[in-house]
Amino acid sequence: MTLDPHAFLSKLEERISLTSEDKAILNSYADWGREIAPEMAVSFYAYLGSDPEMNAILNSTEERIHRLRDTFIEWFSEMFTGIDHWGKSYAERRWRIGLIHVRVGIGPQHVVPAMAAVVCEVRKRLKADEKPEALQEALSRICMIDLAFIEQAYIEVSEAAVLKETGWTESLFKRLIASGAA
């Protein structure tokens, strides 16, 4: 199965109820998002660095953590602008981010709690800066969309690898998964 990132984004927007009003409020606070992004990056990597497994991944090369902080700042800021108003470019970038997480070995058991840490830190900052609840809700929705992209990347890559290695069809693979879960 080959994922169409833009179609996936559209489906997620519908499922999570990311509205045009959410996008408008995110966009109206884009400067604030850029302003707090470095602080969020520090909190995020402090959280991840406290886990020995993640710390090893983050610091596998001398320059990796610095590159990752810059990437986080860019990612965080993009949630407010949607790059192209949450269109094709946004979807493709989120898909690439998911694939990179899979490639470097950051497992789902790290991704979900890390996103929760982002949401928690943002919530604190929203409260301290007296930002509207609607902004918090919109940010929570877009964070969940971004998280879904990362999670879907694990599924797509795993499925593709099994199908390639075994020669199974997609329908056989899905039947085996369903029967195994029963």
Protein backbone atom coordinates (compact mmCIF):
# COMPACT_ATOMS: atom_id res chain seq x y z
CA MET A 1 0.00 0.00 0.00
CA THR A 2 1.41 3.36 -0.98
CA LEU A 3 0.21 6.19 1.17
CA ASP A 4 -0.94 9.41 -0.45
CA PRO A 5 0.11 11.97 2.21
CA HIS A 6 -2.35 14.64 1.07
CA ALA A 7 -5.31 12.25 1.06
CA PHE A 8 -4.20 10.96 4.47
CA LEU A 9 -4.04 14.53 5.80
CA SER A 10 -7.54 15.24 4.50
CA LYS A 11 -8.87 12.10 6.17
CA LEU A 12 -7.17 13.02 9.46
CA GLU A 13 -8.50 16.58 9.36
CA GLU A 14 -12.00 15.14 9.06
CA ARG A 15 -11.50 12.53 11.79
CA ILE A 16 -9.91 14.95 14.24
CA SER A 17 -12.21 17.83 13.26
CA LEU A 18 -9.46 20.28 12.35
CA THR A 19 -11.57 23.14 11.04
CA SER A 20 -10.88 26.23 8.98
CA GLU A 21 -11.37 28.16 12.24
CA ASP A 22 -8.61 26.07 13.86
CA LYS A 23 -6.31 26.82 10.94
CA ALA A 24 -7.13 30.53 11.12
CA ILE A 25 -6.35 30.75 14.82
CA LEU A 26 -3.12 28.78 14.38
CA ASN A 27 -2.10 31.09 11.57
CA SER A 28 -2.95 34.20 13.60
CA TYR A 29 -0.54 33.03 16.32
CA ALA A 30 2.30 32.04 13.96
CA ASP A 31 4.62 34.73 15.35
CA TRP A 32 3.99 33.49 18.89
CA GLY A 33 4.66 29.93 17.73
CA ARG A 34 8.00 30.94 16.21
CA GLU A 35 8.85 32.86 19.38
CA ILE A 36 8.28 29.92 21.74
CA ALA A 37 9.61 27.19 19.43
CA PRO A 38 13.20 27.31 20.78
CA GLU A 39 11.93 27.01 24.36
CA MET A 40 9.72 24.08 23.35
CA ALA A 41 12.72 22.42 21.69
CA VAL A 42 14.76 22.69 24.89
CA SER A 43 11.94 21.12 26.93
CA PHE A 44 11.33 18.43 24.33
CA TYR A 45 14.94 17.30 24.10
CA ALA A 46 15.42 17.49 27.87
CA TYR A 47 12.48 15.12 28.17
CA LEU A 48 13.81 12.76 25.49
CA GLY A 49 17.37 12.95 26.79
CA SER A 50 16.26 11.65 30.18
CA ASP A 51 15.54 8.26 28.59
CA PRO A 52 18.77 6.28 28.07
CA GLU A 53 17.60 4.66 24.82
CA MET A 54 16.51 7.97 23.30
CA ASN A 55 19.58 9.75 24.62
CA ALA A 56 21.76 7.27 22.73
CA ILE A 57 19.83 7.90 19.49
CA LEU A 58 19.87 11.69 19.96
CA ASN A 59 23.58 11.81 20.62
CA SER A 60 24.77 9.10 18.22
CA THR A 61 26.81 11.76 16.42
CA GLU A 62 28.16 15.00 17.80
CA GLU A 63 26.08 17.28 15.58
CA ARG A 64 22.82 15.28 15.58
CA ILE A 65 21.20 16.93 18.63
CA HIS A 66 21.90 20.41 17.22
CA ARG A 67 20.36 19.47 13.86
CA LEU A 68 17.38 17.93 15.62
CA ARG A 69 16.77 21.07 17.69
CA ASP A 70 16.75 23.16 14.51
CA THR A 71 14.39 20.68 12.86
CA PHE A 72 12.09 20.72 15.90
CA ILE A 73 11.90 24.52 15.81
CA GLU A 74 10.98 24.39 12.14
CA TRP A 75 8.42 21.61 12.71
CA PHE A 76 6.83 23.43 15.64
CA SER A 77 6.56 26.69 13.70
CA GLU A 78 5.05 24.90 10.70
CA MET A 79 2.12 23.71 12.80
CA PHE A 80 0.99 27.33 13.00
CA THR A 81 1.36 28.12 9.31
CA GLY A 82 0.63 24.75 7.72
CA ILE A 83 3.52 25.54 5.29
CA ASP A 84 1.03 25.82 2.42
CA HIS A 85 -2.08 26.19 4.58
CA TRP A 86 -2.07 22.48 5.42
CA GLY A 87 -1.95 21.35 1.83
CA LYS A 88 0.25 19.03 -0.20
CA SER A 89 3.60 20.38 1.05
CA TYR A 90 2.53 20.11 4.69
CA ALA A 91 1.32 16.54 4.17
CA GLU A 92 4.48 15.46 2.33
CA ARG A 93 6.73 17.01 4.97
CA ARG A 94 4.84 15.26 7.77
CA TRP A 95 5.10 11.97 5.90
CA ARG A 96 8.87 12.42 5.49
CA ILE A 97 9.18 13.16 9.21
CA GLY A 98 7.38 9.90 9.95
CA LEU A 99 9.64 7.93 7.65
CA ILE A 100 12.73 9.48 9.26
CA HIS A 101 11.52 8.41 12.71
CA VAL A 102 11.22 4.84 11.43
CA ARG A 103 14.62 4.95 9.69
CA VAL A 104 16.56 6.14 12.73
CA GLY A 105 14.83 3.67 15.04
CA ILE A 106 12.69 5.93 17.20
CA GLY A 107 9.95 3.52 18.18
CA PRO A 108 6.28 4.31 18.78
CA GLN A 109 6.83 3.80 22.50
CA HIS A 110 8.90 7.00 22.41
CA VAL A 111 6.89 9.02 19.92
CA VAL A 112 3.55 9.06 21.72
CA PRO A 113 4.91 10.13 25.12
CA ALA A 114 7.13 12.72 23.41
CA MET A 115 4.13 14.27 21.67
CA ALA A 116 2.31 14.27 25.01
CA ALA A 117 5.29 16.17 26.46
CA VAL A 118 4.98 18.75 23.67
CA VAL A 119 1.26 19.18 24.29
CA CYS A 120 1.85 19.53 28.04
CA GLU A 121 4.61 22.13 27.65
CA VAL A 122 2.58 24.11 25.12
CA ARG A 123 -0.41 24.05 27.45
CA LYS A 124 1.73 25.55 30.24
CA ARG A 125 2.98 28.28 27.94
CA LEU A 126 -0.51 29.01 26.59
CA LYS A 127 -1.73 29.50 30.15
CA ALA A 128 1.26 31.65 31.16
CA ASP A 129 0.80 33.85 28.07
CA GLU A 130 -2.99 33.97 28.54
CA LYS A 131 -3.73 32.63 25.07
CA PRO A 132 -7.26 31.56 24.15
CA GLU A 133 -8.52 28.05 24.76
CA ALA A 134 -9.36 27.80 21.06
CA LEU A 135 -5.62 28.01 20.29
CA GLN A 136 -4.91 25.17 22.72
CA GLU A 137 -7.60 23.04 21.09
CA ALA A 138 -6.31 23.76 17.58
CA LEU A 139 -2.73 22.96 18.60
CA SER A 140 -3.84 19.72 20.23
CA ARG A 141 -5.61 18.71 17.02
CA ILE A 142 -2.66 19.49 14.74
CA CYS A 143 -0.28 17.68 17.11
CA MET A 144 -2.48 14.58 16.89
CA ILE A 145 -2.48 14.80 13.11
CA ASP A 146 1.31 15.01 13.09
CA LEU A 147 1.48 12.09 15.51
CA ALA A 148 -0.80 10.03 13.26
CA PHE A 149 1.59 10.59 10.34
CA ILE A 150 4.49 9.22 12.38
CA GLU A 151 2.48 6.24 13.60
CA GLN A 152 1.24 5.48 10.08
CA ALA A 153 4.81 5.48 8.81
CA TYR A 154 5.61 2.54 11.11
CA ILE A 155 2.65 0.60 9.75
CA GLU A 156 3.38 1.37 6.09
CA VAL A 157 7.10 0.57 6.32
CA SER A 158 6.51 -2.65 8.29
CA GLU A 159 3.79 -3.84 5.93
CA ALA A 160 5.85 -3.07 2.83
CA ALA A 161 8.87 -4.90 4.26
CA VAL A 162 6.85 -8.02 5.12
CA LEU A 163 5.13 -8.07 1.72
CA LYS A 164 8.43 -7.67 -0.11
CA GLU A 165 10.23 -10.29 1.97
CA THR A 166 7.46 -12.90 1.89
CA GLY A 167 5.77 -12.23 -1.43
CA TRP A 168 2.40 -12.19 0.33
CA THR A 169 -0.49 -10.14 -0.94
CA GLU A 170 -1.76 -7.19 1.04
CA SER A 171 -5.09 -8.93 1.68
CA LEU A 172 -3.34 -12.08 3.02
CA PHE A 173 -1.19 -9.96 5.29
CA LYS A 174 -4.22 -8.08 6.65
CA ARG A 175 -6.12 -11.36 7.23
CA LEU A 176 -3.15 -12.77 9.17
CA ILE A 177 -2.95 -9.62 11.28
CA ALA A 178 -6.69 -9.68 11.98
CA SER A 179 -6.68 -13.37 12.90
CA GLY A 180 -3.59 -12.90 15.07
CA ALA A 181 -5.25 -10.06 16.96
CA ALA A 182 -8.31 -12.22 17.63
